[in-house]
Amino acid sequence: MERIMTGNGGLSKTRLGRMHDIMARHVESGEVPGLVTLVSRDGEIHADAIGKLAIDGAPMRRDSILRITSMTKPVTAAAAMMLVEECKLRLDDPVDRWLPELADRKVLRAIDAAVDDTVPAKRAITLRDLMTFRLGLGMIPVFPDRYPIQKAIAEAGFAPGPVFPSFPPDELMRRYGTLPLVYQPGERWLYNSGTEILGVLIARVAGMSFAKFLHERIFAPLGMRDTAFFVPQEKLGRFATAYTRDHASSALKVFDDPATGKFAQPPVFENGSAGLVSTADDLNAFAQMMLNGGRLGSERILSRPSVELMTTDQLTPEQKQGSELLLGDNLGWGLGLSVFMGRDDLCNVPGRFGWDGGYGTSWYSDPKENLTGILLTQRMMDSPQPPAVFKDFWTCAYQAIDD
């Protein structure tokens, strides 16, 4: 157990103690083997590590490394906005020049149509489409599968679930190019594929690997020393084991082992949707940069107008149709991250932005309260609905505000 508090930013020590006790109960119950929490407000940082890296492993630490999966998406979007600011990309230009695999798309005549029952796309796919998940490709939130396009997506290697594509970038794009669009570009929000493809676009435009671009332009300037697409040998002692629920026994079982799993060596595909590992403090550096309008200390990563654009909802009600499983009634989508639209809970403040990770992580920042919260666990989510430990963490973070 490791607890650290610095600064004086209007957080109640007594109520942060309540957070510790409640989070500890989630560990003691066996729901999660361990976790790291970090709450930051007005220069005050409260960090807490509880439990273990593995069920029978070493203690969880503040600098423990965990798989952040979909919390990769905002980082990828920030990288793309850097290229927009340099005028190497434009939000509403077609991406065909850099991603010819997506040129001249065909679109399903209807969601339940045969895969070859298509009409021409009314326009090209743009960078804005990728970043807002309105490109016409992505997860169809209908379970179990019932449409021919869902079978085609799975056969191409893009079935929704905890196992991510592992094709080289060019092969990934070739496979995406074999699929018709589910909807016309700009018509509907479909989760995930946009930032997978966005990472490939960034690498092609920058003329270097996606990982190198992120390291040179974001991670190194922000001091994010442990954020990467894999964990090197010398850091494996800080890397948590990932668990999932065995539905037959209800016990936790290992999903990804630190030493032998998918993150123990550089990946074939540097996944801009779900590929990163990180620590609480690394993520807080990125979150504070976003909360500060693109700057952390002397380092400016993005302009304030870029961050404001990223954290403004870009969806119409029509574009959100069918996405209730992930966005519900109160979440919008900016560029690569979600944005709360109304106040319907203790922690749901309009303008609060961030996203969760399906392997058990959560980050949001609140400009109104100047507050950031980060929760890292190694227990995979059982459904798109946040688990109890998420809900309790965010309740505890907001009830700790003391002014």
Protein backbone atom coordinates (compact mmCIF):
# COMPACT_ATOMS: atom_id res chain seq x y z
CA MET A 1 0.00 0.00 0.00
CA GLU A 2 1.38 3.38 -1.01
CA ARG A 3 -0.27 6.73 -0.33
CA ILE A 4 1.16 10.10 -1.36
CA MET A 5 -0.40 13.56 -1.18
CA THR A 6 1.21 16.83 -2.27
CA GLY A 7 -0.05 20.42 -2.44
CA ASN A 8 -3.24 22.08 -1.24
CA GLY A 9 -5.87 22.15 -3.96
CA GLY A 10 -9.13 22.03 -2.05
CA LEU A 11 -9.36 18.27 -1.47
CA SER A 12 -10.43 16.99 1.95
CA LYS A 13 -7.88 14.66 3.57
CA THR A 14 -10.64 13.01 5.56
CA ARG A 15 -12.72 12.38 2.46
CA LEU A 16 -9.70 11.13 0.51
CA GLY A 17 -9.26 8.68 3.37
CA ARG A 18 -12.80 7.56 2.65
CA MET A 19 -11.76 6.96 -0.97
CA HIS A 20 -8.88 4.78 0.21
CA ASP A 21 -11.14 2.68 2.42
CA ILE A 22 -13.73 2.18 -0.32
CA MET A 23 -11.11 1.29 -2.94
CA ALA A 24 -9.47 -1.10 -0.48
CA ARG A 25 -12.78 -2.92 -0.05
CA HIS A 26 -12.90 -3.59 -3.80
CA VAL A 27 -9.46 -5.21 -3.52
CA GLU A 28 -10.25 -7.13 -0.34
CA SER A 29 -13.43 -8.51 -1.89
CA GLY A 30 -11.40 -10.04 -4.73
CA GLU A 31 -13.08 -7.90 -7.37
CA VAL A 32 -9.68 -6.57 -8.45
CA PRO A 33 -6.25 -7.84 -7.35
CA GLY A 34 -4.91 -4.31 -7.12
CA LEU A 35 -5.36 -0.73 -8.27
CA VAL A 36 -3.80 2.70 -8.47
CA THR A 37 -5.77 5.90 -8.00
CA LEU A 38 -4.67 9.46 -8.66
CA VAL A 39 -6.69 12.63 -8.08
CA SER A 40 -5.22 15.98 -9.03
CA ARG A 41 -6.71 19.42 -8.35
CA ASP A 42 -5.12 22.88 -8.48
CA GLY A 43 -1.60 21.50 -8.05
CA GLU A 44 -2.53 19.00 -5.34
CA ILE A 45 -1.96 15.34 -6.20
CA HIS A 46 -3.28 12.44 -4.16
CA ALA A 47 -1.99 9.03 -5.29
CA ASP A 48 -2.76 5.67 -3.75
CA ALA A 49 -1.69 2.12 -4.62
CA ILE A 50 -3.59 -0.80 -3.10
CA GLY A 51 -3.33 -4.57 -3.50
CA LYS A 52 -0.98 -6.49 -5.76
CA LEU A 53 0.35 -6.57 -9.31
CA ALA A 54 -0.89 -10.17 -9.55
CA ILE A 55 -3.08 -12.26 -7.29
CA ASP A 56 -0.01 -13.82 -5.65
CA GLY A 57 2.40 -11.11 -6.75
CA ALA A 58 4.33 -8.10 -5.51
CA PRO A 59 2.56 -5.03 -4.09
CA MET A 60 0.96 -2.56 -6.47
CA ARG A 61 2.95 0.68 -6.59
CA ARG A 62 2.30 4.23 -7.69
CA ASP A 63 4.61 3.65 -10.67
CA SER A 64 3.09 0.29 -11.64
CA ILE A 65 2.56 -0.15 -15.37
CA LEU A 66 -0.88 -1.18 -16.68
CA ARG A 67 -2.52 -1.66 -20.08
CA ILE A 68 -4.68 1.40 -20.77
CA THR A 69 -6.33 0.07 -23.98
CA SER A 70 -8.93 2.60 -25.19
CA MET A 71 -7.41 5.44 -23.18
CA THR A 72 -4.89 5.33 -26.05
CA LYS A 73 -7.48 7.01 -28.27
CA PRO A 74 -7.14 10.56 -26.88
CA VAL A 75 -3.34 10.35 -27.19
CA THR A 76 -3.68 9.35 -30.85
CA ALA A 77 -6.10 12.21 -31.47
CA ALA A 78 -3.69 14.69 -29.87
CA ALA A 79 -0.93 13.45 -32.17
CA ALA A 80 -3.17 13.99 -35.20
CA MET A 81 -4.00 17.52 -34.07
CA MET A 82 -0.29 18.30 -33.93
CA LEU A 83 -0.11 17.52 -37.66
CA VAL A 84 -3.21 19.64 -38.26
CA GLU A 85 -1.52 22.56 -36.52
CA GLU A 86 1.51 22.09 -38.79
CA CYS A 87 -0.82 22.11 -41.84
CA LYS A 88 0.39 18.65 -42.83
CA LEU A 89 -3.19 17.47 -42.45
CA ARG A 90 -6.52 19.29 -42.66
CA LEU A 91 -9.62 18.17 -40.82
CA ASP A 92 -11.94 18.19 -43.83
CA ASP A 93 -9.55 17.05 -46.54
CA PRO A 94 -9.98 13.51 -47.90
CA VAL A 95 -7.48 11.02 -46.50
CA ASP A 96 -7.20 9.21 -49.86
CA ARG A 97 -3.74 10.63 -50.57
CA TRP A 98 -2.31 8.95 -47.47
CA LEU A 99 -4.75 6.06 -47.16
CA PRO A 100 -5.53 4.98 -50.73
CA GLU A 101 -7.04 1.79 -49.34
CA LEU A 102 -10.03 3.90 -48.24
CA ALA A 103 -10.58 5.64 -51.57
CA ASP A 104 -13.72 5.10 -53.69
CA ARG A 105 -15.67 3.36 -50.97
CA LYS A 106 -18.85 1.38 -51.41
CA VAL A 107 -21.54 1.65 -48.71
CA LEU A 108 -24.07 -0.97 -47.62
CA ARG A 109 -27.53 -0.28 -48.95
CA ALA A 110 -28.87 -1.13 -45.47
CA ILE A 111 -27.39 -2.44 -42.22
CA ASP A 112 -28.88 -5.89 -42.84
CA ALA A 113 -27.96 -6.04 -46.53
CA ALA A 114 -25.63 -8.58 -48.10
CA VAL A 115 -22.01 -7.43 -48.09
CA ASP A 116 -22.06 -6.91 -51.86
CA ASP A 117 -25.37 -5.00 -51.86
CA THR A 118 -23.85 -1.53 -51.90
CA VAL A 119 -24.10 1.99 -53.29
CA PRO A 120 -21.22 4.41 -53.95
CA ALA A 121 -20.05 6.62 -51.09
CA LYS A 122 -21.42 10.15 -51.44
CA ARG A 123 -18.06 11.64 -50.52
CA ALA A 124 -14.53 10.74 -49.43
CA ILE A 125 -13.54 9.92 -45.86
CA THR A 126 -11.87 12.85 -44.08
CA LEU A 127 -9.59 13.24 -41.09
CA ARG A 128 -12.54 14.63 -39.12
CA ASP A 129 -14.44 11.42 -39.89
CA LEU A 130 -11.61 9.32 -38.44
CA MET A 131 -11.35 11.40 -35.27
CA THR A 132 -15.10 11.55 -34.64
CA PHE A 133 -15.65 7.87 -35.51
CA ARG A 134 -17.97 8.81 -38.38
CA LEU A 135 -15.98 7.21 -41.20
CA GLY A 136 -18.52 4.42 -41.69
CA LEU A 137 -16.35 1.63 -40.26
CA GLY A 138 -16.34 0.34 -36.70
CA MET A 139 -18.01 -1.83 -34.12
CA ILE A 140 -21.69 -2.60 -34.71
CA PRO A 141 -23.17 -2.77 -31.17
CA VAL A 142 -25.61 -5.60 -31.87
CA PHE A 143 -25.00 -8.83 -29.92
CA PRO A 144 -25.09 -11.63 -30.82
CA ASP A 145 -24.10 -10.95 -34.42
CA ARG A 146 -27.06 -10.92 -36.78
CA TYR A 147 -25.97 -8.99 -39.87
CA PRO A 148 -23.81 -10.23 -42.79
CA ILE A 149 -21.46 -7.26 -42.34
CA GLN A 150 -20.68 -8.37 -38.79
CA LYS A 151 -19.50 -11.75 -40.09
CA ALA A 152 -17.40 -10.00 -42.76
CA ILE A 153 -15.83 -7.71 -40.15
CA ALA A 154 -14.94 -10.71 -37.97
CA GLU A 155 -13.49 -12.63 -40.92
CA ALA A 156 -11.34 -9.62 -41.78
CA GLY A 157 -9.88 -9.75 -38.26
CA PHE A 158 -11.75 -6.87 -36.64
CA ALA A 159 -14.29 -8.62 -34.42
CA PRO A 160 -15.08 -6.58 -31.30
CA GLY A 161 -13.55 -7.96 -28.14
CA PRO A 162 -10.44 -7.96 -25.95
CA VAL A 163 -8.06 -9.35 -28.60
CA PHE A 164 -6.84 -6.59 -30.90
CA PRO A 165 -5.63 -6.76 -34.52
CA SER A 166 -2.01 -7.83 -34.91
CA PHE A 167 -1.40 -7.20 -38.61
CA PRO A 168 1.34 -4.97 -40.01
CA PRO A 169 -0.08 -1.50 -40.78
CA ASP A 170 -0.23 -2.01 -44.55
CA GLU A 171 -1.99 -5.34 -44.13
CA LEU A 172 -4.41 -3.77 -41.66
CA MET A 173 -5.31 -1.12 -44.23
CA ARG A 174 -5.62 -3.71 -47.00
CA ARG A 175 -8.14 -5.61 -44.90
CA TYR A 176 -10.12 -2.48 -44.09
CA GLY A 177 -10.13 -1.75 -47.81
CA THR A 178 -11.94 -5.05 -48.51
CA LEU A 179 -14.93 -4.04 -46.40
CA PRO A 180 -17.84 -1.88 -47.51
CA LEU A 181 -18.70 1.05 -45.28
CA VAL A 182 -21.60 0.36 -42.94
CA TYR A 183 -22.87 3.94 -43.25
CA GLN A 184 -22.10 6.90 -45.48
CA PRO A 185 -19.09 8.97 -44.31
CA GLY A 186 -20.29 11.39 -41.64
CA GLU A 187 -23.60 9.62 -41.10
CA ARG A 188 -23.17 7.60 -37.86
CA TRP A 189 -20.80 7.13 -34.92
CA LEU A 190 -19.21 3.66 -34.92
CA TYR A 191 -16.67 2.85 -32.24
CA ASN A 192 -12.96 2.12 -32.47
CA SER A 193 -11.82 1.76 -36.10
CA GLY A 194 -11.21 5.49 -36.56
CA THR A 195 -8.22 5.69 -34.22
CA GLU A 196 -6.79 2.35 -35.37
CA ILE A 197 -6.62 3.82 -38.86
CA LEU A 198 -5.55 7.23 -37.53
CA GLY A 199 -2.33 5.77 -36.13
CA VAL A 200 -1.43 4.46 -39.58
CA LEU A 201 -2.23 7.85 -41.12
CA ILE A 202 -0.01 9.67 -38.61
CA ALA A 203 2.92 7.34 -39.34
CA ARG A 204 2.57 7.74 -43.10
CA VAL A 205 2.33 11.55 -42.92
CA ALA A 206 5.18 11.89 -40.41
CA GLY A 207 7.45 9.46 -42.24
CA MET A 208 8.27 7.49 -39.09
CA SER A 209 6.69 4.79 -36.96
CA PHE A 210 3.68 5.78 -34.91
CA ALA A 211 5.53 4.81 -31.72
CA LYS A 212 8.49 7.04 -32.60
CA PHE A 213 6.20 9.98 -33.33
CA LEU A 214 4.41 9.61 -30.00
CA HIS A 215 7.68 9.27 -28.11
CA GLU A 216 9.39 12.25 -29.72
CA ARG A 217 6.42 14.61 -29.85
CA ILE A 218 4.35 13.75 -26.75
CA PHE A 219 5.89 11.28 -24.31
CA ALA A 220 9.43 12.68 -24.05
CA PRO A 221 8.35 16.35 -23.81
CA LEU A 222 5.79 15.51 -21.11
CA GLY A 223 8.13 13.21 -19.17
CA MET A 224 5.95 10.14 -19.79
CA ARG A 225 8.83 7.71 -19.31
CA ASP A 226 6.80 4.52 -18.97
CA THR A 227 4.21 5.02 -21.72
CA ALA A 228 4.79 2.87 -24.80
CA PHE A 229 3.41 0.03 -26.90
CA PHE A 230 5.32 -2.61 -24.93
CA VAL A 231 7.15 -3.08 -21.63
CA PRO A 232 10.92 -3.68 -21.86
CA GLN A 233 12.55 -6.43 -19.83
CA GLU A 234 13.95 -4.09 -17.18
CA LYS A 235 10.46 -2.79 -16.33
CA LEU A 236 8.58 -6.11 -16.19
CA GLY A 237 8.78 -6.12 -12.39
CA ARG A 238 6.39 -3.13 -12.36
CA PHE A 239 3.98 -4.54 -14.98
CA ALA A 240 0.65 -5.84 -13.69
CA THR A 241 -0.93 -9.12 -14.79
CA ALA A 242 -4.22 -8.67 -16.66
CA TYR A 243 -7.21 -10.73 -15.50
CA THR A 244 -10.62 -11.58 -16.85
CA ARG A 245 -13.62 -13.27 -15.24
CA ASP A 246 -14.02 -17.00 -15.87
CA HIS A 247 -17.76 -17.15 -16.49
CA ALA A 248 -17.93 -20.83 -15.61
CA SER A 249 -16.37 -20.50 -12.16
CA SER A 250 -16.72 -16.71 -11.58
CA ALA A 251 -13.05 -16.71 -10.54
CA LEU A 252 -10.46 -14.42 -12.06
CA LYS A 253 -8.12 -15.99 -14.59
CA VAL A 254 -5.00 -14.63 -16.28
CA PHE A 255 -5.68 -12.96 -19.61
CA ASP A 256 -2.26 -11.47 -20.32
CA ASP A 257 0.94 -12.40 -18.52
CA PRO A 258 3.56 -9.64 -18.19
CA ALA A 259 6.54 -11.78 -19.19
CA THR A 260 5.00 -13.85 -21.98
CA GLY A 261 1.99 -11.83 -23.14
CA LYS A 262 1.26 -9.42 -25.95
CA PHE A 263 3.02 -6.45 -24.34
CA ALA A 264 6.36 -8.16 -23.61
CA GLN A 265 7.84 -7.26 -27.00
CA PRO A 266 7.30 -4.57 -29.65
CA PRO A 267 4.02 -5.23 -31.45
CA VAL A 268 3.56 -5.88 -35.15
CA PHE A 269 0.87 -3.19 -35.11
CA GLU A 270 1.15 -0.05 -32.96
CA ASN A 271 -2.54 0.27 -32.21
CA GLY A 272 -3.77 3.85 -31.94
CA SER A 273 -7.05 2.66 -30.45
CA ALA A 274 -5.88 0.37 -27.67
CA GLY A 275 -2.16 -0.37 -27.72
CA LEU A 276 -0.50 1.65 -24.95
CA VAL A 277 0.70 0.83 -21.47
CA SER A 278 1.21 3.60 -18.94
CA THR A 279 1.34 4.68 -15.29
CA ALA A 280 -0.86 6.97 -13.24
CA ASP A 281 1.69 9.79 -13.22
CA ASP A 282 2.38 9.50 -16.95
CA LEU A 283 -1.33 9.72 -17.66
CA ASN A 284 -1.66 12.64 -15.28
CA ALA A 285 1.01 14.51 -17.27
CA PHE A 286 -1.05 14.05 -20.46
CA ALA A 287 -4.28 14.93 -18.62
CA GLN A 288 -2.79 18.09 -17.12
CA MET A 289 -1.52 19.14 -20.55
CA MET A 290 -5.06 18.82 -21.88
CA LEU A 291 -6.57 20.54 -18.83
CA ASN A 292 -4.06 23.40 -19.21
CA GLY A 293 -5.07 24.03 -22.81
CA GLY A 294 -2.19 22.14 -24.43
CA ARG A 295 0.69 23.14 -22.14
CA LEU A 296 2.53 21.41 -19.29
CA GLY A 297 5.17 23.57 -17.66
CA SER A 298 7.34 25.01 -20.42
CA GLU A 299 6.21 22.42 -22.98
CA ARG A 300 3.39 23.33 -25.35
CA ILE A 301 2.07 20.24 -27.11
CA LEU A 302 -1.10 21.77 -28.61
CA SER A 303 -2.69 25.18 -28.85
CA ARG A 304 -5.58 26.02 -26.55
CA PRO A 305 -8.01 26.25 -29.51
CA SER A 306 -7.02 22.71 -30.58
CA VAL A 307 -7.76 21.32 -27.12
CA GLU A 308 -11.05 23.20 -27.03
CA LEU A 309 -12.01 21.65 -30.37
CA MET A 310 -11.01 18.16 -29.24
CA THR A 311 -13.09 18.46 -26.06
CA THR A 312 -16.24 19.84 -27.73
CA ASP A 313 -18.99 17.40 -28.72
CA GLN A 314 -19.01 16.89 -32.51
CA LEU A 315 -22.08 14.66 -32.84
CA THR A 316 -25.66 15.38 -33.81
CA PRO A 317 -28.45 13.31 -32.23
CA GLU A 318 -28.86 11.50 -35.56
CA GLN A 319 -25.18 10.54 -35.66
CA LYS A 320 -25.42 9.08 -32.13
CA GLN A 321 -28.30 6.74 -33.02
CA GLY A 322 -27.43 3.16 -32.14
CA SER A 323 -24.49 4.14 -29.93
CA GLU A 324 -26.40 4.16 -26.64
CA LEU A 325 -24.50 1.10 -25.41
CA LEU A 326 -21.31 3.16 -25.16
CA LEU A 327 -22.43 6.79 -25.05
CA GLY A 328 -25.74 6.52 -23.23
CA ASP A 329 -27.85 9.67 -23.06
CA ASN A 330 -25.28 12.03 -21.56
CA LEU A 331 -22.02 11.46 -23.45
CA GLY A 332 -20.97 13.17 -26.64
CA TRP A 333 -17.80 12.63 -28.63
CA GLY A 334 -15.19 15.21 -29.53
CA LEU A 335 -12.00 14.35 -31.40
CA GLY A 336 -10.79 11.04 -29.96
CA LEU A 337 -12.49 11.28 -26.57
CA SER A 338 -15.85 11.59 -24.86
CA VAL A 339 -17.42 14.73 -23.41
CA PHE A 340 -20.19 14.92 -20.81
CA MET A 341 -23.15 16.99 -21.92
CA GLY A 342 -25.25 17.37 -18.77
CA ARG A 343 -25.18 17.01 -15.01
CA ASP A 344 -27.03 13.85 -14.05
CA ASP A 345 -24.71 12.46 -11.35
CA LEU A 346 -22.26 13.64 -8.72
CA CYS A 347 -19.33 13.41 -11.11
CA ASN A 348 -20.99 14.03 -14.46
CA VAL A 349 -20.17 17.68 -15.07
CA PRO A 350 -20.81 19.30 -18.47
CA GLY A 351 -17.49 19.65 -20.27
CA ARG A 352 -15.79 16.82 -18.35
CA PHE A 353 -13.73 14.89 -20.89
CA GLY A 354 -11.76 11.64 -21.10
CA TRP A 355 -12.43 7.95 -21.66
CA ASP A 356 -12.22 4.47 -20.14
CA GLY A 357 -10.15 1.42 -21.04
CA GLY A 358 -11.72 -2.01 -21.39
CA TYR A 359 -8.96 -3.73 -19.42
CA GLY A 360 -10.07 -1.82 -16.32
CA THR A 361 -8.90 1.80 -16.47
CA SER A 362 -10.54 5.23 -16.39
CA TRP A 363 -9.47 8.86 -16.93
CA TYR A 364 -11.46 12.07 -16.99
CA SER A 365 -10.57 15.73 -16.51
CA ASP A 366 -12.99 18.44 -15.44
CA PRO A 367 -12.15 22.01 -16.52
CA LYS A 368 -14.82 23.52 -14.24
CA GLU A 369 -13.33 21.94 -11.12
CA ASN A 370 -9.77 21.84 -12.49
CA LEU A 371 -9.80 18.20 -11.42
CA THR A 372 -8.33 15.07 -12.98
CA GLY A 373 -9.01 11.52 -11.85
CA ILE A 374 -7.20 8.38 -12.96
CA LEU A 375 -8.07 4.81 -11.94
CA LEU A 376 -5.91 1.90 -13.06
CA THR A 377 -6.91 -1.71 -12.41
CA GLN A 378 -5.89 -4.93 -14.16
CA ARG A 379 -9.38 -6.50 -14.15
CA MET A 380 -11.04 -6.48 -17.56
CA MET A 381 -14.52 -4.98 -17.81
CA ASP A 382 -17.35 -7.51 -18.15
CA SER A 383 -19.57 -5.18 -20.20
CA PRO A 384 -19.57 -1.67 -21.69
CA GLN A 385 -21.24 -0.44 -18.50
CA PRO A 386 -18.73 0.83 -15.92
CA PRO A 387 -18.03 -1.63 -13.09
CA ALA A 388 -18.74 -0.76 -9.48
CA VAL A 389 -15.12 0.15 -8.76
CA PHE A 390 -15.27 2.83 -11.49
CA LYS A 391 -18.49 4.30 -10.14
CA ASP A 392 -17.20 4.35 -6.57
CA PHE A 393 -13.88 5.92 -7.59
CA TRP A 394 -15.58 8.80 -9.37
CA THR A 395 -18.07 9.33 -6.55
CA CYS A 396 -15.16 9.42 -4.10
CA ALA A 397 -13.14 11.83 -6.23
CA TYR A 398 -15.95 14.37 -6.37
CA GLN A 399 -17.12 14.02 -2.77
CA ALA A 400 -13.54 14.89 -1.73
CA ILE A 401 -13.83 18.43 -3.14
CA ASP A 402 -13.60 20.72 -0.12
CA ASP A 403 -14.50 24.19 -1.32
